[in-house]
C-alpha atoms as a PDB file:
ATOM      1  CA  UNK A   1      12.436  14.557  15.217  1.00  0.00           C
ATOM      2  CA  UNK A   2      14.122  12.464  12.510  1.00  0.00           C
ATOM      3  CA  UNK A   3      11.592  13.698   9.965  1.00  0.00           C
ATOM      4  CA  UNK A   4      12.454  17.302  10.770  1.00  0.00           C
ATOM      5  CA  UNK A   5      16.183  16.580  10.495  1.00  0.00           C
ATOM      6  CA  UNK A   6      15.745  14.827   7.131  1.00  0.00           C
ATOM      7  CA  UNK A   7      13.614  17.690   5.827  1.00  0.00           C
ATOM      8  CA  UNK A   8      16.227  20.255   6.903  1.00  0.00           C
ATOM      9  CA  UNK A   9      19.043  18.299   5.261  1.00  0.00           C
ATOM     10  CA  UNK A  10      17.158  17.869   1.993  1.00  0.00           C
ATOM     11  CA  UNK A  11      16.145  21.526   1.843  1.00  0.00           C
ATOM     12  CA  UNK A  12      19.543  22.934   2.714  1.00  0.00           C
ATOM     13  CA  UNK A  13      21.640  20.727   0.467  1.00  0.00           C
ATOM     14  CA  UNK A  14      22.868  22.095  -2.854  1.00  0.00           C
ATOM     15  CA  UNK A  15      22.695  20.346  -6.194  1.00  0.00           C
ATOM     16  CA  UNK A  16      25.507  17.903  -6.663  1.00  0.00           C
ATOM     17  CA  UNK A  17      25.320  16.795  -3.058  1.00  0.00           C
ATOM     18  CA  UNK A  18      22.348  14.814  -1.830  1.00  0.00           C
ATOM     19  CA  UNK A  19      19.634  17.259  -2.899  1.00  0.00           C
ATOM     20  CA  UNK A  20      16.976  16.203  -5.285  1.00  0.00           C
ATOM     21  CA  UNK A  21      17.384  17.813  -8.701  1.00  0.00           C
ATOM     22  CA  UNK A  22      15.182  20.855  -9.032  1.00  0.00           C
ATOM     23  CA  UNK A  23      12.976  21.543 -11.988  1.00  0.00           C
ATOM     24  CA  UNK A  24      14.176  24.119 -14.467  1.00  0.00           C
ATOM     25  CA  UNK A  25      13.305  27.687 -13.552  1.00  0.00           C
ATOM     26  CA  UNK A  26      10.184  29.098 -15.109  1.00  0.00           C
ATOM     27  CA  UNK A  27      10.569  32.011 -17.507  1.00  0.00           C
ATOM     28  CA  UNK A  28       9.858  35.422 -16.048  1.00  0.00           C
ATOM     29  CA  UNK A  29       6.764  36.012 -18.148  1.00  0.00           C
ATOM     30  CA  UNK A  30       5.116  32.991 -16.512  1.00  0.00           C
ATOM     31  CA  UNK A  31       5.707  34.407 -13.051  1.00  0.00           C
ATOM     32  CA  UNK A  32       3.768  37.618 -13.350  1.00  0.00           C
ATOM     33  CA  UNK A  33       1.385  39.089 -15.872  1.00  0.00           C
ATOM     34  CA  UNK A  34       2.514  42.232 -17.675  1.00  0.00           C
ATOM     35  CA  UNK A  35       1.411  45.548 -16.189  1.00  0.00           C
ATOM     36  CA  UNK A  36      -0.263  47.777 -18.750  1.00  0.00           C
ATOM     37  CA  UNK A  37       1.431  51.143 -19.173  1.00  0.00           C
ATOM     38  CA  UNK A  38      -1.852  52.977 -18.610  1.00  0.00           C
ATOM     39  CA  UNK A  39      -2.349  51.461 -15.138  1.00  0.00           C
ATOM     40  CA  UNK A  40      -2.238  54.182 -12.470  1.00  0.00           C
ATOM     41  CA  UNK A  41       0.366  53.810  -9.770  1.00  0.00           C
ATOM     42  CA  UNK A  42      -0.747  51.688  -6.862  1.00  0.00           C
ATOM     43  CA  UNK A  43       1.630  53.515  -4.518  1.00  0.00           C
ATOM     44  CA  UNK A  44      -0.091  56.430  -2.808  1.00  0.00           C
ATOM     45  CA  UNK A  45       1.636  59.777  -3.322  1.00  0.00           C
ATOM     46  CA  UNK A  46       3.829  61.071  -0.505  1.00  0.00           C
ATOM     47  CA  UNK A  47       2.307  64.154   1.088  1.00  0.00           C
ATOM     48  CA  UNK A  48       4.177  67.344   0.329  1.00  0.00           C
ATOM     49  CA  UNK A  49       5.571  69.840   2.822  1.00  0.00           C
ATOM     50  CA  UNK A  50       2.975  72.404   1.764  1.00  0.00           C
ATOM     51  CA  UNK A  51       0.160  70.002   2.642  1.00  0.00           C
ATOM     52  CA  UNK A  52       1.515  69.514   6.154  1.00  0.00           C
ATOM     53  CA  UNK A  53       1.839  73.268   6.709  1.00  0.00           C
ATOM     54  CA  UNK A  54      -1.671  73.806   5.320  1.00  0.00           C
ATOM     55  CA  UNK A  55      -3.115  71.315   7.812  1.00  0.00           C
ATOM     56  CA  UNK A  56      -1.126  72.770  10.710  1.00  0.00           C
ATOM     57  CA  UNK A  57      -2.319  76.283   9.802  1.00  0.00           C
ATOM     58  CA  UNK A  58      -5.947  75.349   9.161  1.00  0.00           C
ATOM     59  CA  UNK A  59      -8.685  76.595  11.468  1.00  0.00           C
ATOM     60  CA  UNK A  60     -10.711  73.520  10.512  1.00  0.00           C
ATOM     61  CA  UNK A  61      -8.094  70.976  11.633  1.00  0.00           C
ATOM     62  CA  UNK A  62      -8.174  69.559  15.146  1.00  0.00           C
ATOM     63  CA  UNK A  63      -5.228  70.045  17.474  1.00  0.00           C
ATOM     64  CA  UNK A  64      -4.359  66.363  17.019  1.00  0.00           C
ATOM     65  CA  UNK A  65      -4.360  66.728  13.223  1.00  0.00           C
ATOM     66  CA  UNK A  66      -2.106  69.783  13.495  1.00  0.00           C
ATOM     67  CA  UNK A  67       0.274  67.933  15.826  1.00  0.00           C
ATOM     68  CA  UNK A  68       0.449  64.961  13.461  1.00  0.00           C
ATOM     69  CA  UNK A  69       1.043  67.222  10.444  1.00  0.00           C
ATOM     70  CA  UNK A  70       3.914  68.949  12.253  1.00  0.00           C
ATOM     71  CA  UNK A  71       5.427  65.615  13.327  1.00  0.00           C
ATOM     72  CA  UNK A  72       5.307  64.387   9.729  1.00  0.00           C
ATOM     73  CA  UNK A  73       6.764  67.656   8.467  1.00  0.00           C
ATOM     74  CA  UNK A  74       9.586  67.435  11.012  1.00  0.00           C
ATOM     75  CA  UNK A  75      10.461  63.979   9.695  1.00  0.00           C
ATOM     76  CA  UNK A  76      10.318  65.235   6.122  1.00  0.00           C
ATOM     77  CA  UNK A  77      12.559  68.292   6.634  1.00  0.00           C
ATOM     78  CA  UNK A  78      15.238  66.137   8.224  1.00  0.00           C
ATOM     79  CA  UNK A  79      16.433  65.567   4.650  1.00  0.00           C
ATOM     80  CA  UNK A  80      18.298  68.532   3.190  1.00  0.00           C
ATOM     81  CA  UNK A  81      16.364  68.681  -0.079  1.00  0.00           C
ATOM     82  CA  UNK A  82      13.073  68.828   1.780  1.00  0.00           C
ATOM     83  CA  UNK A  83      14.423  71.444   4.189  1.00  0.00           C
ATOM     84  CA  UNK A  84      15.466  73.581   1.211  1.00  0.00           C
ATOM     85  CA  UNK A  85      11.944  73.259  -0.193  1.00  0.00           C
ATOM     86  CA  UNK A  86      10.570  75.318   2.689  1.00  0.00           C
ATOM     87  CA  UNK A  87      12.021  78.389   0.965  1.00  0.00           C
ATOM     88  CA  UNK A  88      10.995  77.565  -2.599  1.00  0.00           C
ATOM     89  CA  UNK A  89       7.452  76.714  -1.471  1.00  0.00           C
ATOM     90  CA  UNK A  90       7.258  79.901   0.626  1.00  0.00           C
ATOM     91  CA  UNK A  91       6.498  77.956   3.806  1.00  0.00           C
ATOM     92  CA  UNK A  92       8.708  79.844   6.267  1.00  0.00           C
ATOM     93  CA  UNK A  93       6.150  82.584   6.957  1.00  0.00           C
ATOM     94  CA  UNK A  94       3.208  80.269   7.727  1.00  0.00           C
ATOM     95  CA  UNK A  95       5.495  77.992   9.732  1.00  0.00           C
ATOM     96  CA  UNK A  96       6.844  80.879  11.794  1.00  0.00           C
ATOM     97  CA  UNK A  97       3.274  82.157  12.268  1.00  0.00           C
ATOM     98  CA  UNK A  98       2.498  78.876  14.055  1.00  0.00           C
ATOM     99  CA  UNK A  99       4.852  79.991  16.841  1.00  0.00           C
ATOM    100  CA  UNK A 100       2.033  82.284  18.014  1.00  0.00           C
ATOM    101  CA  UNK A 101      -0.683  79.610  17.963  1.00  0.00           C
ATOM    102  CA  UNK A 102      -2.914  79.480  21.044  1.00  0.00           C
ATOM    103  CA  UNK A 103      -2.126  75.757  21.303  1.00  0.00           C
ATOM    104  CA  UNK A 104       1.194  75.020  23.059  1.00  0.00           C
ATOM    105  CA  UNK A 105       1.633  71.705  21.232  1.00  0.00           C
ATOM    106  CA  UNK A 106       1.362  73.487  17.882  1.00  0.00           C
ATOM    107  CA  UNK A 107       3.929  76.100  18.952  1.00  0.00           C
ATOM    108  CA  UNK A 108       6.208  73.311  20.163  1.00  0.00           C
ATOM    109  CA  UNK A 109       5.810  71.407  16.880  1.00  0.00           C
ATOM    110  CA  UNK A 110       6.568  74.489  14.797  1.00  0.00           C
ATOM    111  CA  UNK A 111       9.755  75.182  16.766  1.00  0.00           C
ATOM    112  CA  UNK A 112      10.753  71.524  16.411  1.00  0.00           C
ATOM    113  CA  UNK A 113      10.268  71.611  12.623  1.00  0.00           C
ATOM    114  CA  UNK A 114      12.342  74.794  12.372  1.00  0.00           C
ATOM    115  CA  UNK A 115      15.117  73.308  14.505  1.00  0.00           C
ATOM    116  CA  UNK A 116      15.320  70.153  12.435  1.00  0.00           C
ATOM    117  CA  UNK A 117      15.214  72.067   9.147  1.00  0.00           C
ATOM    118  CA  UNK A 118      18.135  74.358  10.019  1.00  0.00           C
ATOM    119  CA  UNK A 119      20.283  71.661  11.592  1.00  0.00           C
ATOM    120  CA  UNK A 120      23.514  71.311   9.561  1.00  0.00           C
ATOM    121  CA  UNK A 121      22.051  73.103   6.528  1.00  0.00           C
ATOM    122  CA  UNK A 122      23.851  76.439   5.940  1.00  0.00           C
ATOM    123  CA  UNK A 123      21.545  77.510   3.083  1.00  0.00           C
ATOM    124  CA  UNK A 124      18.451  76.769   5.146  1.00  0.00           C
ATOM    125  CA  UNK A 125      19.899  78.654   8.116  1.00  0.00           C
ATOM    126  CA  UNK A 126      20.325  81.715   5.911  1.00  0.00           C
ATOM    127  CA  UNK A 127      16.724  81.507   4.625  1.00  0.00           C
ATOM    128  CA  UNK A 128      15.351  80.976   8.125  1.00  0.00           C
ATOM    129  CA  UNK A 129      17.240  84.011   9.432  1.00  0.00           C
ATOM    130  CA  UNK A 130      16.172  86.164   6.469  1.00  0.00           C
ATOM    131  CA  UNK A 131      12.531  85.415   7.352  1.00  0.00           C
ATOM    132  CA  UNK A 132      13.046  86.553  10.939  1.00  0.00           C
ATOM    133  CA  UNK A 133      13.397  83.085  12.414  1.00  0.00           C
ATOM    134  CA  UNK A 134      16.206  84.002  14.799  1.00  0.00           C
ATOM    135  CA  UNK A 135      14.229  86.875  16.314  1.00  0.00           C
ATOM    136  CA  UNK A 136      11.045  84.784  16.467  1.00  0.00           C
ATOM    137  CA  UNK A 137      12.804  81.981  18.347  1.00  0.00           C
ATOM    138  CA  UNK A 138      14.361  84.415  20.814  1.00  0.00           C
ATOM    139  CA  UNK A 139      10.888  85.885  21.403  1.00  0.00           C
ATOM    140  CA  UNK A 140       9.463  82.399  22.017  1.00  0.00           C
ATOM    141  CA  UNK A 141      12.319  81.520  24.348  1.00  0.00           C
ATOM    142  CA  UNK A 142      11.861  84.716  26.363  1.00  0.00           C
ATOM    143  CA  UNK A 143       8.086  84.951  26.368  1.00  0.00           C
ATOM    144  CA  UNK A 144       6.383  81.571  26.104  1.00  0.00           C
ATOM    145  CA  UNK A 145       4.893  80.222  29.314  1.00  0.00           C
ATOM    146  CA  UNK A 146       5.229  76.541  28.360  1.00  0.00           C
ATOM    147  CA  UNK A 147       8.494  74.787  29.232  1.00  0.00           C
ATOM    148  CA  UNK A 148       8.135  72.267  26.376  1.00  0.00           C
ATOM    149  CA  UNK A 149       7.786  75.091  23.845  1.00  0.00           C
ATOM    150  CA  UNK A 150      10.834  76.861  25.267  1.00  0.00           C
ATOM    151  CA  UNK A 151      12.803  73.608  25.058  1.00  0.00           C
ATOM    152  CA  UNK A 152      12.047  73.244  21.336  1.00  0.00           C
ATOM    153  CA  UNK A 153      12.867  76.922  20.758  1.00  0.00           C
ATOM    154  CA  UNK A 154      16.209  76.331  22.468  1.00  0.00           C
ATOM    155  CA  UNK A 155      16.735  73.247  20.277  1.00  0.00           C
ATOM    156  CA  UNK A 156      16.064  75.407  17.226  1.00  0.00           C
ATOM    157  CA  UNK A 157      18.464  78.124  18.353  1.00  0.00           C
ATOM    158  CA  UNK A 158      21.124  75.533  19.116  1.00  0.00           C
ATOM    159  CA  UNK A 159      20.710  73.972  15.658  1.00  0.00           C
ATOM    160  CA  UNK A 160      20.752  77.389  14.030  1.00  0.00           C
ATOM    161  CA  UNK A 161      23.836  78.715  15.803  1.00  0.00           C
ATOM    162  CA  UNK A 162      25.899  75.527  15.571  1.00  0.00           C
ATOM    163  CA  UNK A 163      28.818  76.017  13.137  1.00  0.00           C
ATOM    164  CA  UNK A 164      27.535  79.493  12.192  1.00  0.00           C
ATOM    165  CA  UNK A 165      29.845  82.125  13.748  1.00  0.00           C
ATOM    166  CA  UNK A 166      28.176  85.122  12.020  1.00  0.00           C
ATOM    167  CA  UNK A 167      24.763  84.059  13.341  1.00  0.00           C
ATOM    168  CA  UNK A 168      26.223  83.507  16.789  1.00  0.00           C
ATOM    169  CA  UNK A 169      27.589  87.060  16.777  1.00  0.00           C
ATOM    170  CA  UNK A 170      24.157  88.383  15.753  1.00  0.00           C
ATOM    171  CA  UNK A 171      22.525  86.352  18.511  1.00  0.00           C
ATOM    172  CA  UNK A 172      24.919  87.671  21.160  1.00  0.00           C
ATOM    173  CA  UNK A 173      24.223  91.294  20.128  1.00  0.00           C
END
């Protein structure tokens, strides 16, 4: 126990007290070799929104792959810049088409992505509505047989109509 206490005291003391003098710091160039400028990045690229929508829309992807792609896309569109990219990348149409997928989990994921994208983003709300998103979500809410899908459609409508009086008036009509 004494050895542990002595070690702790020696390693926590600062110079000028009872700590042993430390050696001079090594120059930075000794610590790591230089990285050549032609070395490719070792960080893998972050998948793009379009890639997630492509997987979710693919007939070759499994249901699990589609679900995962939609979960990742939902996380991505939580940031306003990424939510705005749905318009510039022309992803609203394929995303809204997923609301008619035969798989309930894919429909649920698509509604979830839409709800997160429009949440607190006035410009994105306008784009979503222009592409027929409001009508599509009302159709899902009224006609889908799955409760989980209806819940995400309601989440989307709630996100869309929050702080948007003109959209709320359109919804009520």
